[in-house]
Amino acid sequence: MRVIEQFEDAEGRNPGETSIADLPGVLKLRKELCETNSVNESQIPDALLERLLIGTSEYPPVCAIIGGILGQEVIKAISGKGDPLKNFFFFDAMDGKGLIEDISEP
């Protein structure tokens, strides 16, 4: 998402104004960003970028999952039952799995 966001900023476009025709430019930017941040390009698969460019600007299934988790965490925080997520929740839309990353000090 960050690659596409920066592509839109560089091209002066509004969010969601990309298409599959922009894929070569997005791939070039991905390569530049990965080299700058010392990240392996395989962390951002071509198929994911294609899917994001072809699809709509909103991803209802992902929004539903993240919204449900957020609601659950608000209820936990208000009721005091259960421990809320700490720090980060990463959701992989490709395989539908989420990962909680607790980076708080022990």
PDB file of N, CA and C in Angstrom:
ATOM      1  N   MET A   1       0.837  -1.185   0.000  1.00  0.00           N
ATOM      2  CA  MET A   1       0.000   0.000   0.000  1.00  0.00           C
ATOM      3  C   MET A   1       0.878   1.242   0.000  1.00  0.00           C
ATOM      4  N   ARG A   2       1.979   1.201   0.739  1.00  0.00           N
ATOM      5  CA  ARG A   2       2.853   2.369   0.820  1.00  0.00           C
ATOM      6  C   ARG A   2       3.485   2.663  -0.542  1.00  0.00           C
ATOM      7  N   VAL A   3       3.833   1.629  -1.290  1.00  0.00           N
ATOM      8  CA  VAL A   3       4.407   1.833  -2.624  1.00  0.00           C
ATOM      9  C   VAL A   3       3.401   2.538  -3.525  1.00  0.00           C
ATOM     10  N   ILE A   4       2.172   2.072  -3.516  1.00  0.00           N
ATOM     11  CA  ILE A   4       1.138   2.680  -4.363  1.00  0.00           C
ATOM     12  C   ILE A   4       0.837   4.094  -3.884  1.00  0.00           C
ATOM     13  N   GLU A   5       0.810   4.301  -2.588  1.00  0.00           N
ATOM     14  CA  GLU A   5       0.565   5.638  -2.049  1.00  0.00           C
ATOM     15  C   GLU A   5       1.650   6.615  -2.512  1.00  0.00           C
ATOM     16  N   GLN A   6       2.896   6.204  -2.451  1.00  0.00           N
ATOM     17  CA  GLN A   6       3.979   7.081  -2.886  1.00  0.00           C
ATOM     18  C   GLN A   6       3.957   7.287  -4.395  1.00  0.00           C
ATOM     19  N   PHE A   7       3.541   6.262  -5.138  1.00  0.00           N
ATOM     20  CA  PHE A   7       3.400   6.408  -6.585  1.00  0.00           C
ATOM     21  C   PHE A   7       2.350   7.467  -6.900  1.00  0.00           C
ATOM     22  N   GLU A   8       1.220   7.407  -6.209  1.00  0.00           N
ATOM     23  CA  GLU A   8       0.151   8.386  -6.424  1.00  0.00           C
ATOM     24  C   GLU A   8       0.633   9.800  -6.086  1.00  0.00           C
ATOM     25  N   ASP A   9       1.378   9.933  -4.995  1.00  0.00           N
ATOM     26  CA  ASP A   9       1.921  11.246  -4.619  1.00  0.00           C
ATOM     27  C   ASP A   9       2.891  11.766  -5.679  1.00  0.00           C
ATOM     28  N   ALA A  10       3.783  10.890  -6.156  1.00  0.00           N
ATOM     29  CA  ALA A  10       4.779  11.300  -7.147  1.00  0.00           C
ATOM     30  C   ALA A  10       4.124  11.707  -8.467  1.00  0.00           C
ATOM     31  N   GLU A  11       3.034  11.036  -8.817  1.00  0.00           N
ATOM     32  CA  GLU A  11       2.344  11.319 -10.077  1.00  0.00           C
ATOM     33  C   GLU A  11       1.286  12.413  -9.926  1.00  0.00           C
ATOM     34  N   GLY A  12       1.066  12.884  -8.701  1.00  0.00           N
ATOM     35  CA  GLY A  12       0.068  13.923  -8.462  1.00  0.00           C
ATOM     36  C   GLY A  12      -1.364  13.439  -8.636  1.00  0.00           C
ATOM     37  N   ARG A  13      -1.602  12.197  -8.274  1.00  0.00           N
ATOM     38  CA  ARG A  13      -2.942  11.614  -8.415  1.00  0.00           C
ATOM     39  C   ARG A  13      -3.635  11.513  -7.069  1.00  0.00           C
ATOM     40  N   ASN A  14      -4.938  11.463  -7.121  1.00  0.00           N
ATOM     41  CA  ASN A  14      -5.727  11.229  -5.920  1.00  0.00           C
ATOM     42  C   ASN A  14      -5.702   9.743  -5.587  1.00  0.00           C
ATOM     43  N   PRO A  15      -5.929   9.375  -4.330  1.00  0.00           N
ATOM     44  CA  PRO A  15      -5.965   7.953  -3.968  1.00  0.00           C
ATOM     45  C   PRO A  15      -6.993   7.187  -4.794  1.00  0.00           C
ATOM     46  N   GLY A  16      -6.582   6.034  -5.299  1.00  0.00           N
ATOM     47  CA  GLY A  16      -7.477   5.190  -6.083  1.00  0.00           C
ATOM     48  C   GLY A  16      -7.484   5.493  -7.573  1.00  0.00           C
ATOM     49  N   GLU A  17      -6.697   6.460  -8.019  1.00  0.00           N
ATOM     50  CA  GLU A  17      -6.670   6.812  -9.438  1.00  0.00           C
ATOM     51  C   GLU A  17      -5.554   6.089 -10.182  1.00  0.00           C
ATOM     52  N   THR A  18      -5.301   4.861  -9.812  1.00  0.00           N
ATOM     53  CA  THR A  18      -4.301   4.063 -10.505  1.00  0.00           C
ATOM     54  C   THR A  18      -4.995   2.925 -11.232  1.00  0.00           C
ATOM     55  N   SER A  19      -4.297   2.369 -12.200  1.00  0.00           N
ATOM     56  CA  SER A  19      -4.836   1.235 -12.946  1.00  0.00           C
ATOM     57  C   SER A  19      -3.695   0.269 -13.239  1.00  0.00           C
ATOM     58  N   ILE A  20      -4.016  -0.824 -13.868  1.00  0.00           N
ATOM     59  CA  ILE A  20      -3.002  -1.824 -14.201  1.00  0.00           C
ATOM     60  C   ILE A  20      -1.974  -1.268 -15.178  1.00  0.00           C
ATOM     61  N   ALA A  21      -2.331  -0.230 -15.914  1.00  0.00           N
ATOM     62  CA  ALA A  21      -1.385   0.397 -16.845  1.00  0.00           C
ATOM     63  C   ALA A  21      -0.228   1.063 -16.095  1.00  0.00           C
ATOM     64  N   ASP A  22      -0.411   1.336 -14.813  1.00  0.00           N
ATOM     65  CA  ASP A  22       0.627   1.968 -13.997  1.00  0.00           C
ATOM     66  C   ASP A  22       1.592   0.958 -13.395  1.00  0.00           C
ATOM     67  N   LEU A  23       1.383  -0.321 -13.634  1.00  0.00           N
ATOM     68  CA  LEU A  23       2.202  -1.361 -13.007  1.00  0.00           C
ATOM     69  C   LEU A  23       3.698  -1.183 -13.241  1.00  0.00           C
ATOM     70  N   PRO A  24       4.172  -0.889 -14.467  1.00  0.00           N
ATOM     71  CA  PRO A  24       5.630  -0.720 -14.640  1.00  0.00           C
ATOM     72  C   PRO A  24       6.202   0.386 -13.751  1.00  0.00           C
ATOM     73  N   GLY A  25       5.506   1.507 -13.624  1.00  0.00           N
ATOM     74  CA  GLY A  25       5.977   2.588 -12.766  1.00  0.00           C
ATOM     75  C   GLY A  25       5.958   2.210 -11.301  1.00  0.00           C
ATOM     76  N   VAL A  26       4.939   1.466 -10.900  1.00  0.00           N
ATOM     77  CA  VAL A  26       4.833   1.018  -9.505  1.00  0.00           C
ATOM     78  C   VAL A  26       5.948   0.027  -9.185  1.00  0.00           C
ATOM     79  N   LEU A  27       6.246  -0.884 -10.117  1.00  0.00           N
ATOM     80  CA  LEU A  27       7.319  -1.856  -9.897  1.00  0.00           C
ATOM     81  C   LEU A  27       8.678  -1.158  -9.798  1.00  0.00           C
ATOM     82  N   LYS A  28       8.886  -0.125 -10.615  1.00  0.00           N
ATOM     83  CA  LYS A  28      10.132   0.630 -10.571  1.00  0.00           C
ATOM     84  C   LYS A  28      10.269   1.328  -9.217  1.00  0.00           C
ATOM     85  N   LEU A  29       9.186   1.931  -8.744  1.00  0.00           N
ATOM     86  CA  LEU A  29       9.204   2.606  -7.447  1.00  0.00           C
ATOM     87  C   LEU A  29       9.421   1.601  -6.321  1.00  0.00           C
ATOM     88  N   ARG A  30       8.810   0.419  -6.426  1.00  0.00           N
ATOM     89  CA  ARG A  30       9.013  -0.622  -5.405  1.00  0.00           C
ATOM     90  C   ARG A  30      10.493  -0.972  -5.308  1.00  0.00           C
ATOM     91  N   LYS A  31      11.131  -1.121  -6.459  1.00  0.00           N
ATOM     92  CA  LYS A  31      12.558  -1.461  -6.468  1.00  0.00           C
ATOM     93  C   LYS A  31      13.368  -0.366  -5.787  1.00  0.00           C
ATOM     94  N   GLU A  32      13.077   0.892  -6.107  1.00  0.00           N
ATOM     95  CA  GLU A  32      13.800   2.012  -5.506  1.00  0.00           C
ATOM     96  C   GLU A  32      13.584   2.064  -3.996  1.00  0.00           C
ATOM     97  N   LEU A  33      12.335   1.901  -3.563  1.00  0.00           N
ATOM     98  CA  LEU A  33      12.033   1.955  -2.128  1.00  0.00           C
ATOM     99  C   LEU A  33      12.673   0.794  -1.383  1.00  0.00           C
ATOM    100  N   CYS A  34      12.666  -0.384  -1.974  1.00  0.00           N
ATOM    101  CA  CYS A  34      13.278  -1.543  -1.322  1.00  0.00           C
ATOM    102  C   CYS A  34      14.786  -1.362  -1.187  1.00  0.00           C
ATOM    103  N   GLU A  35      15.422  -0.818  -2.222  1.00  0.00           N
ATOM    104  CA  GLU A  35      16.868  -0.579  -2.145  1.00  0.00           C
ATOM    105  C   GLU A  35      17.184   0.477  -1.096  1.00  0.00           C
ATOM    106  N   THR A  36      16.387   1.532  -1.053  1.00  0.00           N
ATOM    107  CA  THR A  36      16.597   2.616  -0.087  1.00  0.00           C
ATOM    108  C   THR A  36      16.449   2.119   1.344  1.00  0.00           C
ATOM    109  N   ASN A  37      15.471   1.253   1.581  1.00  0.00           N
ATOM    110  CA  ASN A  37      15.174   0.776   2.936  1.00  0.00           C
ATOM    111  C   ASN A  37      15.799  -0.576   3.257  1.00  0.00           C
ATOM    112  N   SER A  38      16.655  -1.082   2.379  1.00  0.00           N
ATOM    113  CA  SER A  38      17.333  -2.372   2.563  1.00  0.00           C
ATOM    114  C   SER A  38      16.338  -3.497   2.826  1.00  0.00           C
ATOM    115  N   VAL A  39      15.308  -3.559   1.983  1.00  0.00           N
ATOM    116  CA  VAL A  39      14.279  -4.586   2.093  1.00  0.00           C
ATOM    117  C   VAL A  39      14.322  -5.430   0.825  1.00  0.00           C
ATOM    118  N   ASN A  40      14.123  -6.727   0.977  1.00  0.00           N
ATOM    119  CA  ASN A  40      14.088  -7.617  -0.172  1.00  0.00           C
ATOM    120  C   ASN A  40      12.794  -7.391  -0.957  1.00  0.00           C
ATOM    121  N   GLU A  41      12.897  -7.249  -2.269  1.00  0.00           N
ATOM    122  CA  GLU A  41      11.725  -7.009  -3.116  1.00  0.00           C
ATOM    123  C   GLU A  41      10.688  -8.114  -3.018  1.00  0.00           C
ATOM    124  N   SER A  42      11.099  -9.307  -2.641  1.00  0.00           N
ATOM    125  CA  SER A  42      10.151 -10.426  -2.542  1.00  0.00           C
ATOM    126  C   SER A  42       9.144 -10.203  -1.413  1.00  0.00           C
ATOM    127  N   GLN A  43       9.406  -9.258  -0.512  1.00  0.00           N
ATOM    128  CA  GLN A  43       8.468  -8.947   0.560  1.00  0.00           C
ATOM    129  C   GLN A  43       7.204  -8.264   0.024  1.00  0.00           C
ATOM    130  N   ILE A  44       7.304  -7.681  -1.187  1.00  0.00           N
ATOM    131  CA  ILE A  44       6.163  -7.025  -1.830  1.00  0.00           C
ATOM    132  C   ILE A  44       5.962  -7.715  -3.175  1.00  0.00           C
ATOM    133  N   PRO A  45       5.197  -8.800  -3.219  1.00  0.00           N
ATOM    134  CA  PRO A  45       5.054  -9.588  -4.441  1.00  0.00           C
ATOM    135  C   PRO A  45       4.376  -8.809  -5.576  1.00  0.00           C
ATOM    136  N   ASP A  46       4.787  -9.127  -6.804  1.00  0.00           N
ATOM    137  CA  ASP A  46       4.167  -8.521  -7.989  1.00  0.00           C
ATOM    138  C   ASP A  46       2.664  -8.770  -8.006  1.00  0.00           C
ATOM    139  N   ALA A  47       2.272  -9.983  -7.637  1.00  0.00           N
ATOM    140  CA  ALA A  47       0.850 -10.341  -7.675  1.00  0.00           C
ATOM    141  C   ALA A  47       0.025  -9.455  -6.743  1.00  0.00           C
ATOM    142  N   LEU A  48       0.582  -9.097  -5.591  1.00  0.00           N
ATOM    143  CA  LEU A  48      -0.127  -8.229  -4.662  1.00  0.00           C
ATOM    144  C   LEU A  48      -0.308  -6.837  -5.250  1.00  0.00           C
ATOM    145  N   LEU A  49       0.747  -6.296  -5.846  1.00  0.00           N
ATOM    146  CA  LEU A  49       0.646  -4.978  -6.465  1.00  0.00           C
ATOM    147  C   LEU A  49      -0.360  -4.987  -7.611  1.00  0.00           C
ATOM    148  N   GLU A  50      -0.343  -6.054  -8.411  1.00  0.00           N
ATOM    149  CA  GLU A  50      -1.321  -6.168  -9.508  1.00  0.00           C
ATOM    150  C   GLU A  50      -2.743  -6.177  -8.959  1.00  0.00           C
ATOM    151  N   ARG A  51      -2.947  -6.951  -7.918  1.00  0.00           N
ATOM    152  CA  ARG A  51      -4.285  -7.056  -7.322  1.00  0.00           C
ATOM    153  C   ARG A  51      -4.751  -5.708  -6.774  1.00  0.00           C
ATOM    154  N   LEU A  52      -3.851  -4.967  -6.158  1.00  0.00           N
ATOM    155  CA  LEU A  52      -4.206  -3.661  -5.612  1.00  0.00           C
ATOM    156  C   LEU A  52      -4.488  -2.637  -6.706  1.00  0.00           C
ATOM    157  N   LEU A  53      -3.787  -2.747  -7.821  1.00  0.00           N
ATOM    158  CA  LEU A  53      -4.007  -1.808  -8.925  1.00  0.00           C
ATOM    159  C   LEU A  53      -5.282  -2.123  -9.698  1.00  0.00           C
ATOM    160  N   ILE A  54      -5.605  -3.395  -9.832  1.00  0.00           N
ATOM    161  CA  ILE A  54      -6.804  -3.802 -10.578  1.00  0.00           C
ATOM    162  C   ILE A  54      -8.059  -3.528  -9.772  1.00  0.00           C
ATOM    163  N   GLY A  55      -7.989  -3.764  -8.465  1.00  0.00           N
ATOM    164  CA  GLY A  55      -9.165  -3.670  -7.608  1.00  0.00           C
ATOM    165  C   GLY A  55      -9.647  -2.250  -7.416  1.00  0.00           C
ATOM    166  N   THR A  56     -10.625  -2.141  -6.555  1.00  0.00           N
ATOM    167  CA  THR A  56     -11.197  -0.832  -6.241  1.00  0.00           C
ATOM    168  C   THR A  56     -10.333  -0.137  -5.200  1.00  0.00           C
ATOM    169  N   SER A  57     -10.682   1.092  -4.871  1.00  0.00           N
ATOM    170  CA  SER A  57      -9.908   1.825  -3.881  1.00  0.00           C
ATOM    171  C   SER A  57     -10.223   1.368  -2.461  1.00  0.00           C
ATOM    172  N   GLU A  58     -11.317   0.640  -2.272  1.00  0.00           N
ATOM    173  CA  GLU A  58     -11.660   0.082  -0.973  1.00  0.00           C
ATOM    174  C   GLU A  58     -11.707  -1.437  -1.084  1.00  0.00           C
ATOM    175  N   TYR A  59     -11.378  -2.100  -0.010  1.00  0.00           N
ATOM    176  CA  TYR A  59     -11.329  -3.554   0.010  1.00  0.00           C
ATOM    177  C   TYR A  59     -12.283  -4.042   1.088  1.00  0.00           C
ATOM    178  N   PRO A  60     -13.590  -4.181   0.759  1.00  0.00           N
ATOM    179  CA  PRO A  60     -14.609  -4.499   1.769  1.00  0.00           C
ATOM    180  C   PRO A  60     -14.289  -5.688   2.665  1.00  0.00           C
ATOM    181  N   PRO A  61     -13.771  -6.806   2.141  1.00  0.00           N
ATOM    182  CA  PRO A  61     -13.502  -7.918   3.059  1.00  0.00           C
ATOM    183  C   PRO A  61     -12.452  -7.552   4.107  1.00  0.00           C
ATOM    184  N   VAL A  62     -11.429  -6.839   3.695  1.00  0.00           N
ATOM    185  CA  VAL A  62     -10.383  -6.439   4.631  1.00  0.00           C
ATOM    186  C   VAL A  62     -10.950  -5.431   5.627  1.00  0.00           C
ATOM    187  N   CYS A  63     -11.737  -4.485   5.138  1.00  0.00           N
ATOM    188  CA  CYS A  63     -12.358  -3.491   6.028  1.00  0.00           C
ATOM    189  C   CYS A  63     -13.230  -4.181   7.075  1.00  0.00           C
ATOM    190  N   ALA A  64     -13.959  -5.206   6.673  1.00  0.00           N
ATOM    191  CA  ALA A  64     -14.831  -5.925   7.604  1.00  0.00           C
ATOM    192  C   ALA A  64     -14.017  -6.641   8.677  1.00  0.00           C
ATOM    193  N   ILE A  65     -12.942  -7.265   8.283  1.00  0.00           N
ATOM    194  CA  ILE A  65     -12.108  -7.997   9.247  1.00  0.00           C
ATOM    195  C   ILE A  65     -11.455  -7.034  10.229  1.00  0.00           C
ATOM    196  N   ILE A  66     -10.830  -5.997   9.709  1.00  0.00           N
ATOM    197  CA  ILE A  66     -10.147  -5.036  10.577  1.00  0.00           C
ATOM    198  C   ILE A  66     -11.155  -4.314  11.479  1.00  0.00           C
ATOM    199  N   GLY A  67     -12.321  -3.952  10.929  1.00  0.00           N
ATOM    200  CA  GLY A  67     -13.354  -3.297  11.730  1.00  0.00           C
ATOM    201  C   GLY A  67     -13.851  -4.195  12.843  1.00  0.00           C
ATOM    202  N   GLY A  68     -14.021  -5.486  12.555  1.00  0.00           N
ATOM    203  CA  GLY A  68     -14.456  -6.437  13.576  1.00  0.00           C
ATOM    204  C   GLY A  68     -13.437  -6.583  14.686  1.00  0.00           C
ATOM    205  N   ILE A  69     -12.173  -6.647  14.314  1.00  0.00           N
ATOM    206  CA  ILE A  69     -11.116  -6.763  15.324  1.00  0.00           C
ATOM    207  C   ILE A  69     -11.038  -5.493  16.159  1.00  0.00           C
ATOM    208  N   LEU A  70     -11.163  -4.345  15.519  1.00  0.00           N
ATOM    209  CA  LEU A  70     -11.137  -3.085  16.250  1.00  0.00           C
ATOM    210  C   LEU A  70     -12.296  -3.009  17.252  1.00  0.00           C
ATOM    211  N   GLY A  71     -13.500  -3.386  16.805  1.00  0.00           N
ATOM    212  CA  GLY A  71     -14.653  -3.387  17.701  1.00  0.00           C
ATOM    213  C   GLY A  71     -14.451  -4.313  18.882  1.00  0.00           C
ATOM    214  N   GLN A  72     -13.892  -5.476  18.623  1.00  0.00           N
ATOM    215  CA  GLN A  72     -13.619  -6.446  19.686  1.00  0.00           C
ATOM    216  C   GLN A  72     -12.637  -5.864  20.700  1.00  0.00           C
ATOM    217  N   GLU A  73     -11.622  -5.177  20.221  1.00  0.00           N
ATOM    218  CA  GLU A  73     -10.623  -4.606  21.123  1.00  0.00           C
ATOM    219  C   GLU A  73     -11.187  -3.444  21.937  1.00  0.00           C
ATOM    220  N   VAL A  74     -12.083  -2.657  21.357  1.00  0.00           N
ATOM    221  CA  VAL A  74     -12.736  -1.577  22.102  1.00  0.00           C
ATOM    222  C   VAL A  74     -13.579  -2.158  23.228  1.00  0.00           C
ATOM    223  N   ILE A  75     -14.320  -3.230  22.941  1.00  0.00           N
ATOM    224  CA  ILE A  75     -15.136  -3.886  23.969  1.00  0.00           C
ATOM    225  C   ILE A  75     -14.254  -4.435  25.088  1.00  0.00           C
ATOM    226  N   LYS A  76     -13.116  -5.037  24.730  1.00  0.00           N
ATOM    227  CA  LYS A  76     -12.192  -5.542  25.751  1.00  0.00           C
ATOM    228  C   LYS A  76     -11.684  -4.409  26.632  1.00  0.00           C
ATOM    229  N   ALA A  77     -11.335  -3.281  26.005  1.00  0.00           N
ATOM    230  CA  ALA A  77     -10.787  -2.155  26.764  1.00  0.00           C
ATOM    231  C   ALA A  77     -11.837  -1.560  27.700  1.00  0.00           C
ATOM    232  N   ILE A  78     -13.069  -1.451  27.231  1.00  0.00           N
ATOM    233  CA  ILE A  78     -14.139  -0.854  28.039  1.00  0.00           C
ATOM    234  C   ILE A  78     -14.575  -1.792  29.157  1.00  0.00           C
ATOM    235  N   SER A  79     -14.738  -3.073  28.842  1.00  0.00           N
ATOM    236  CA  SER A  79     -15.249  -4.020  29.833  1.00  0.00           C
ATOM    237  C   SER A  79     -14.179  -4.508  30.800  1.00  0.00           C
ATOM    238  N   GLY A  80     -12.917  -4.422  30.398  1.00  0.00           N
ATOM    239  CA  GLY A  80     -11.839  -4.919  31.247  1.00  0.00           C
ATOM    240  C   GLY A  80     -11.714  -6.428  31.222  1.00  0.00           C
ATOM    241  N   LYS A  81     -12.446  -7.091  30.331  1.00  0.00           N
ATOM    242  CA  LYS A  81     -12.366  -8.549  30.224  1.00  0.00           C
ATOM    243  C   LYS A  81     -11.454  -8.906  29.062  1.00  0.00           C
ATOM    244  N   GLY A  82     -10.394  -9.574  29.371  1.00  0.00           N
ATOM    245  CA  GLY A  82      -9.432  -9.955  28.339  1.00  0.00           C
ATOM    246  C   GLY A  82      -8.411  -8.848  28.127  1.00  0.00           C
ATOM    247  N   ASP A  83      -7.275  -9.246  27.607  1.00  0.00           N
ATOM    248  CA  ASP A  83      -6.211  -8.284  27.330  1.00  0.00           C
ATOM    249  C   ASP A  83      -6.346  -7.764  25.909  1.00  0.00           C
ATOM    250  N   PRO A  84      -6.386  -6.439  25.750  1.00  0.00           N
ATOM    251  CA  PRO A  84      -6.431  -5.890  24.388  1.00  0.00           C
ATOM    252  C   PRO A  84      -5.112  -6.134  23.657  1.00  0.00           C
ATOM    253  N   LEU A  85      -5.148  -6.033  22.346  1.00  0.00           N
ATOM    254  CA  LEU A  85      -3.924  -6.159  21.553  1.00  0.00           C
ATOM    255  C   LEU A  85      -2.932  -5.095  21.989  1.00  0.00           C
ATOM    256  N   LYS A  86      -1.682  -5.439  21.947  1.00  0.00           N
ATOM    257  CA  LYS A  86      -0.651  -4.468  22.300  1.00  0.00           C
ATOM    258  C   LYS A  86       0.159  -4.127  21.061  1.00  0.00           C
ATOM    259  N   ASN A  87       0.241  -2.864  20.765  1.00  0.00           N
ATOM    260  CA  ASN A  87       1.114  -2.281  19.762  1.00  0.00           C
ATOM    261  C   ASN A  87       0.714  -2.500  18.314  1.00  0.00           C
ATOM    262  N   PHE A  88       0.858  -3.668  17.731  1.00  0.00           N
ATOM    263  CA  PHE A  88       0.648  -3.819  16.301  1.00  0.00           C
ATOM    264  C   PHE A  88      -0.168  -5.052  15.948  1.00  0.00           C
ATOM    265  N   PHE A  89      -1.027  -4.888  14.962  1.00  0.00           N
ATOM    266  CA  PHE A  89      -1.737  -6.020  14.374  1.00  0.00           C
ATOM    267  C   PHE A  89      -1.486  -5.956  12.876  1.00  0.00           C
ATOM    268  N   PHE A  90      -0.868  -6.995  12.333  1.00  0.00           N
ATOM    269  CA  PHE A  90      -0.576  -7.056  10.912  1.00  0.00           C
ATOM    270  C   PHE A  90      -1.542  -8.037  10.269  1.00  0.00           C
ATOM    271  N   PHE A  91      -2.203  -7.605   9.213  1.00  0.00           N
ATOM    272  CA  PHE A  91      -3.148  -8.458   8.509  1.00  0.00           C
ATOM    273  C   PHE A  91      -2.658  -8.659   7.092  1.00  0.00           C
ATOM    274  N   ASP A  92      -2.520  -9.909   6.683  1.00  0.00           N
ATOM    275  CA  ASP A  92      -2.094 -10.250   5.334  1.00  0.00           C
ATOM    276  C   ASP A  92      -3.321 -10.574   4.505  1.00  0.00           C
ATOM    277  N   ALA A  93      -3.676  -9.682   3.608  1.00  0.00           N
ATOM    278  CA  ALA A  93      -4.874  -9.861   2.789  1.00  0.00           C
ATOM    279  C   ALA A  93      -4.719 -11.003   1.791  1.00  0.00           C
ATOM    280  N   MET A  94      -3.501 -11.396   1.490  1.00  0.00           N
ATOM    281  CA  MET A  94      -3.283 -12.478   0.526  1.00  0.00           C
ATOM    282  C   MET A  94      -3.724 -13.820   1.088  1.00  0.00           C
ATOM    283  N   ASP A  95      -3.406 -14.083   2.367  1.00  0.00           N
ATOM    284  CA  ASP A  95      -3.790 -15.385   2.926  1.00  0.00           C
ATOM    285  C   ASP A  95      -4.840 -15.270   4.030  1.00  0.00           C
ATOM    286  N   GLY A  96      -5.259 -14.048   4.367  1.00  0.00           N
ATOM    287  CA  GLY A  96      -6.322 -13.853   5.342  1.00  0.00           C
ATOM    288  C   GLY A  96      -5.923 -14.109   6.779  1.00  0.00           C
ATOM    289  N   LYS A  97      -4.634 -14.042   7.074  1.00  0.00           N
ATOM    290  CA  LYS A  97      -4.162 -14.298   8.432  1.00  0.00           C
ATOM    291  C   LYS A  97      -3.679 -13.013   9.070  1.00  0.00           C
ATOM    292  N   GLY A  98      -3.866 -12.929  10.373  1.00  0.00           N
ATOM    293  CA  GLY A  98      -3.398 -11.772  11.130  1.00  0.00           C
ATOM    294  C   GLY A  98      -2.326 -12.181  12.119  1.00  0.00           C
ATOM    295  N   LEU A  99      -1.469 -11.234  12.470  1.00  0.00           N
ATOM    296  CA  LEU A  99      -0.375 -11.492  13.393  1.00  0.00           C
ATOM    297  C   LEU A  99      -0.318 -10.347  14.386  1.00  0.00           C
ATOM    298  N   ILE A 100      -0.267 -10.674  15.667  1.00  0.00           N
ATOM    299  CA  ILE A 100      -0.127  -9.665  16.708  1.00  0.00           C
ATOM    300  C   ILE A 100       1.346  -9.567  17.065  1.00  0.00           C
ATOM    301  N   GLU A 101       1.881  -8.375  17.004  1.00  0.00           N
ATOM    302  CA  GLU A 101       3.290  -8.145  17.333  1.00  0.00           C
ATOM    303  C   GLU A 101       3.355  -7.273  18.579  1.00  0.00           C
ATOM    304  N   ASP A 102       3.777  -7.861  19.684  1.00  0.00           N
ATOM    305  CA  ASP A 102       3.888  -7.147  20.951  1.00  0.00           C
ATOM    306  C   ASP A 102       5.329  -6.688  21.111  1.00  0.00           C
ATOM    307  N   ILE A 103       5.576  -5.396  20.984  1.00  0.00           N
ATOM    308  CA  ILE A 103       6.943  -4.897  21.104  1.00  0.00           C
ATOM    309  C   ILE A 103       7.150  -4.129  22.397  1.00  0.00           C
ATOM    310  N   SER A 104       6.218  -4.302  23.349  1.00  0.00           N
ATOM    311  CA  SER A 104       6.370  -3.609  24.637  1.00  0.00           C
ATOM    312  C   SER A 104       7.515  -4.246  25.419  1.00  0.00           C
ATOM    313  N   GLU A 105       8.033  -3.472  26.348  1.00  0.00           N
ATOM    314  CA  GLU A 105       9.126  -3.986  27.172  1.00  0.00           C
ATOM    315  C   GLU A 105       8.607  -5.036  28.138  1.00  0.00           C
ATOM    316  N   PRO A 106       9.384  -6.118  28.355  1.00  0.00           N
ATOM    317  CA  PRO A 106       8.917  -7.172  29.266  1.00  0.00           C
ATOM    318  C   PRO A 106       8.857  -6.708  30.706  1.00  0.00           C
TER     319      PRO A 106
END
